[in-house]
Amino acid sequence: MTPELPLSEELLPAVGTAATAELLDSSPRSHVWRVRTADGRLVVV
């Protein structure tokens, strides 16, 4: 099962729309993502 990108209602206004997302690291309790937003910024979530 692939984890889903955690863009909640709280994160969407700060991050914006994700154009691409790459899972960088995961554990049973957490996941770290590199997200490229629609406007080209890179964000780690």
PDB file of N, CA and C in Angstrom:
ATOM      1  N   MET A   1       0.829  -1.183   0.000  1.00  0.00           N
ATOM      2  CA  MET A   1       0.000   0.000   0.000  1.00  0.00           C
ATOM      3  C   MET A   1       0.878   1.253   0.000  1.00  0.00           C
ATOM      4  N   THR A   2       0.687   2.125  -0.959  1.00  0.00           N
ATOM      5  CA  THR A   2       1.460   3.350  -1.056  1.00  0.00           C
ATOM      6  C   THR A   2       0.836   4.421  -0.173  1.00  0.00           C
ATOM      7  N   PRO A   3       1.637   5.088   0.676  1.00  0.00           N
ATOM      8  CA  PRO A   3       1.087   6.160   1.512  1.00  0.00           C
ATOM      9  C   PRO A   3       0.646   7.342   0.649  1.00  0.00           C
ATOM     10  N   GLU A   4      -0.344   8.052   1.138  1.00  0.00           N
ATOM     11  CA  GLU A   4      -0.857   9.217   0.417  1.00  0.00           C
ATOM     12  C   GLU A   4      -0.171  10.485   0.896  1.00  0.00           C
ATOM     13  N   LEU A   5      -0.042  11.423  -0.014  1.00  0.00           N
ATOM     14  CA  LEU A   5       0.541  12.720   0.310  1.00  0.00           C
ATOM     15  C   LEU A   5      -0.367  13.430   1.313  1.00  0.00           C
ATOM     16  N   PRO A   6       0.182  13.873   2.458  1.00  0.00           N
ATOM     17  CA  PRO A   6      -0.635  14.403   3.546  1.00  0.00           C
ATOM     18  C   PRO A   6      -0.939  15.898   3.428  1.00  0.00           C
ATOM     19  N   LEU A   7      -1.578  16.314   2.367  1.00  0.00           N
ATOM     20  CA  LEU A   7      -1.936  17.728   2.242  1.00  0.00           C
ATOM     21  C   LEU A   7      -3.338  17.931   2.794  1.00  0.00           C
ATOM     22  N   SER A   8      -3.391  18.261   4.071  1.00  0.00           N
ATOM     23  CA  SER A   8      -4.656  18.474   4.757  1.00  0.00           C
ATOM     24  C   SER A   8      -5.165  19.891   4.483  1.00  0.00           C
ATOM     25  N   GLU A   9      -6.326  20.180   5.004  1.00  0.00           N
ATOM     26  CA  GLU A   9      -6.909  21.519   4.855  1.00  0.00           C
ATOM     27  C   GLU A   9      -5.986  22.602   5.423  1.00  0.00           C
ATOM     28  N   GLU A  10      -5.204  22.251   6.448  1.00  0.00           N
ATOM     29  CA  GLU A  10      -4.286  23.216   7.056  1.00  0.00           C
ATOM     30  C   GLU A  10      -3.060  23.458   6.169  1.00  0.00           C
ATOM     31  N   LEU A  11      -2.579  22.414   5.481  1.00  0.00           N
ATOM     32  CA  LEU A  11      -1.373  22.550   4.662  1.00  0.00           C
ATOM     33  C   LEU A  11      -1.636  23.137   3.278  1.00  0.00           C
ATOM     34  N   LEU A  12      -2.792  22.906   2.710  1.00  0.00           N
ATOM     35  CA  LEU A  12      -3.066  23.372   1.350  1.00  0.00           C
ATOM     36  C   LEU A  12      -2.848  24.875   1.154  1.00  0.00           C
ATOM     37  N   PRO A  13      -3.334  25.747   2.048  1.00  0.00           N
ATOM     38  CA  PRO A  13      -3.083  27.181   1.840  1.00  0.00           C
ATOM     39  C   PRO A  13      -1.597  27.549   1.894  1.00  0.00           C
ATOM     40  N   ALA A  14      -0.813  26.845   2.709  1.00  0.00           N
ATOM     41  CA  ALA A  14       0.607  27.151   2.850  1.00  0.00           C
ATOM     42  C   ALA A  14       1.432  26.575   1.704  1.00  0.00           C
ATOM     43  N   VAL A  15       1.108  25.360   1.266  1.00  0.00           N
ATOM     44  CA  VAL A  15       1.897  24.674   0.251  1.00  0.00           C
ATOM     45  C   VAL A  15       1.348  24.906  -1.146  1.00  0.00           C
ATOM     46  N   GLY A  16       0.058  24.902  -1.283  1.00  0.00           N
ATOM     47  CA  GLY A  16      -0.563  25.030  -2.596  1.00  0.00           C
ATOM     48  C   GLY A  16      -0.766  23.669  -3.236  1.00  0.00           C
ATOM     49  N   THR A  17      -1.042  23.669  -4.509  1.00  0.00           N
ATOM     50  CA  THR A  17      -1.308  22.433  -5.238  1.00  0.00           C
ATOM     51  C   THR A  17      -0.006  21.729  -5.593  1.00  0.00           C
ATOM     52  N   ALA A  18       0.045  20.433  -5.335  1.00  0.00           N
ATOM     53  CA  ALA A  18       1.232  19.645  -5.647  1.00  0.00           C
ATOM     54  C   ALA A  18       1.225  19.260  -7.118  1.00  0.00           C
ATOM     55  N   ALA A  19       2.336  19.536  -7.808  1.00  0.00           N
ATOM     56  CA  ALA A  19       2.491  19.099  -9.194  1.00  0.00           C
ATOM     57  C   ALA A  19       3.102  17.708  -9.211  1.00  0.00           C
ATOM     58  N   THR A  20       4.121  17.484  -8.363  1.00  0.00           N
ATOM     59  CA  THR A  20       4.736  16.165  -8.218  1.00  0.00           C
ATOM     60  C   THR A  20       5.077  15.953  -6.754  1.00  0.00           C
ATOM     61  N   ALA A  21       5.201  14.691  -6.371  1.00  0.00           N
ATOM     62  CA  ALA A  21       5.585  14.355  -5.003  1.00  0.00           C
ATOM     63  C   ALA A  21       6.428  13.088  -5.032  1.00  0.00           C
ATOM     64  N   GLU A  22       7.478  13.090  -4.213  1.00  0.00           N
ATOM     65  CA  GLU A  22       8.375  11.938  -4.118  1.00  0.00           C
ATOM     66  C   GLU A  22       8.526  11.573  -2.652  1.00  0.00           C
ATOM     67  N   LEU A  23       8.289  10.320  -2.322  1.00  0.00           N
ATOM     68  CA  LEU A  23       8.465   9.851  -0.957  1.00  0.00           C
ATOM     69  C   LEU A  23       9.962   9.714  -0.687  1.00  0.00           C
ATOM     70  N   LEU A  24      10.487  10.484   0.277  1.00  0.00           N
ATOM     71  CA  LEU A  24      11.914  10.461   0.587  1.00  0.00           C
ATOM     72  C   LEU A  24      12.258   9.426   1.643  1.00  0.00           C
ATOM     73  N   ASP A  25      11.421   9.297   2.663  1.00  0.00           N
ATOM     74  CA  ASP A  25      11.700   8.384   3.768  1.00  0.00           C
ATOM     75  C   ASP A  25      10.384   8.028   4.427  1.00  0.00           C
ATOM     76  N   SER A  26      10.315   6.827   4.969  1.00  0.00           N
ATOM     77  CA  SER A  26       9.106   6.451   5.686  1.00  0.00           C
ATOM     78  C   SER A  26       9.443   5.488   6.807  1.00  0.00           C
ATOM     79  N   SER A  27       8.600   5.504   7.800  1.00  0.00           N
ATOM     80  CA  SER A  27       8.667   4.580   8.909  1.00  0.00           C
ATOM     81  C   SER A  27       7.218   4.183   9.198  1.00  0.00           C
ATOM     82  N   PRO A  28       6.999   3.262  10.098  1.00  0.00           N
ATOM     83  CA  PRO A  28       5.611   2.893  10.398  1.00  0.00           C
ATOM     84  C   PRO A  28       4.758   4.060  10.901  1.00  0.00           C
ATOM     85  N   ARG A  29       5.398   5.092  11.464  1.00  0.00           N
ATOM     86  CA  ARG A  29       4.630   6.197  12.050  1.00  0.00           C
ATOM     87  C   ARG A  29       4.693   7.500  11.274  1.00  0.00           C
ATOM     88  N   SER A  30       5.604   7.626  10.303  1.00  0.00           N
ATOM     89  CA  SER A  30       5.714   8.899   9.595  1.00  0.00           C
ATOM     90  C   SER A  30       6.243   8.712   8.184  1.00  0.00           C
ATOM     91  N   HIS A  31       6.023   9.720   7.355  1.00  0.00           N
ATOM     92  CA  HIS A  31       6.503   9.739   5.978  1.00  0.00           C
ATOM     93  C   HIS A  31       7.049  11.135   5.682  1.00  0.00           C
ATOM     94  N   VAL A  32       8.120  11.219   4.912  1.00  0.00           N
ATOM     95  CA  VAL A  32       8.702  12.497   4.518  1.00  0.00           C
ATOM     96  C   VAL A  32       8.625  12.587   2.996  1.00  0.00           C
ATOM     97  N   TRP A  33       8.035  13.673   2.505  1.00  0.00           N
ATOM     98  CA  TRP A  33       7.823  13.864   1.074  1.00  0.00           C
ATOM     99  C   TRP A  33       8.542  15.097   0.559  1.00  0.00           C
ATOM    100  N   ARG A  34       9.037  15.036  -0.677  1.00  0.00           N
ATOM    101  CA  ARG A  34       9.516  16.222  -1.398  1.00  0.00           C
ATOM    102  C   ARG A  34       8.426  16.542  -2.419  1.00  0.00           C
ATOM    103  N   VAL A  35       7.871  17.738  -2.301  1.00  0.00           N
ATOM    104  CA  VAL A  35       6.746  18.143  -3.143  1.00  0.00           C
ATOM    105  C   VAL A  35       7.161  19.329  -3.996  1.00  0.00           C
ATOM    106  N   ARG A  36       6.916  19.245  -5.292  1.00  0.00           N
ATOM    107  CA  ARG A  36       7.082  20.401  -6.173  1.00  0.00           C
ATOM    108  C   ARG A  36       5.691  20.960  -6.392  1.00  0.00           C
ATOM    109  N   THR A  37       5.514  22.223  -6.021  1.00  0.00           N
ATOM    110  CA  THR A  37       4.206  22.847  -6.145  1.00  0.00           C
ATOM    111  C   THR A  37       3.947  23.273  -7.587  1.00  0.00           C
ATOM    112  N   ALA A  38       2.715  23.628  -7.859  1.00  0.00           N
ATOM    113  CA  ALA A  38       2.331  24.042  -9.211  1.00  0.00           C
ATOM    114  C   ALA A  38       3.114  25.268  -9.666  1.00  0.00           C
ATOM    115  N   ASP A  39       3.549  26.116  -8.715  1.00  0.00           N
ATOM    116  CA  ASP A  39       4.324  27.314  -9.086  1.00  0.00           C
ATOM    117  C   ASP A  39       5.829  27.071  -9.073  1.00  0.00           C
ATOM    118  N   GLY A  40       6.267  25.810  -8.896  1.00  0.00           N
ATOM    119  CA  GLY A  40       7.680  25.462  -9.025  1.00  0.00           C
ATOM    120  C   GLY A  40       8.475  25.391  -7.744  1.00  0.00           C
ATOM    121  N   ARG A  41       7.898  25.754  -6.617  1.00  0.00           N
ATOM    122  CA  ARG A  41       8.640  25.699  -5.340  1.00  0.00           C
ATOM    123  C   ARG A  41       8.814  24.249  -4.895  1.00  0.00           C
ATOM    124  N   LEU A  42       9.907  23.977  -4.166  1.00  0.00           N
ATOM    125  CA  LEU A  42      10.119  22.682  -3.540  1.00  0.00           C
ATOM    126  C   LEU A  42       9.809  22.797  -2.052  1.00  0.00           C
ATOM    127  N   VAL A  43       9.028  21.867  -1.549  1.00  0.00           N
ATOM    128  CA  VAL A  43       8.622  21.866  -0.145  1.00  0.00           C
ATOM    129  C   VAL A  43       8.800  20.455   0.396  1.00  0.00           C
ATOM    130  N   VAL A  44       9.305  20.314   1.611  1.00  0.00           N
ATOM    131  CA  VAL A  44       9.402  19.017   2.271  1.00  0.00           C
ATOM    132  C   VAL A  44       8.271  18.947   3.284  1.00  0.00           C
ATOM    133  N   VAL A  45       7.480  17.878   3.203  1.00  0.00           N
ATOM    134  CA  VAL A  45       6.314  17.692   4.079  1.00  0.00           C
ATOM    135  C   VAL A  45       6.493  16.384   4.810  1.00  0.00           C
TER     136      VAL A  45
END
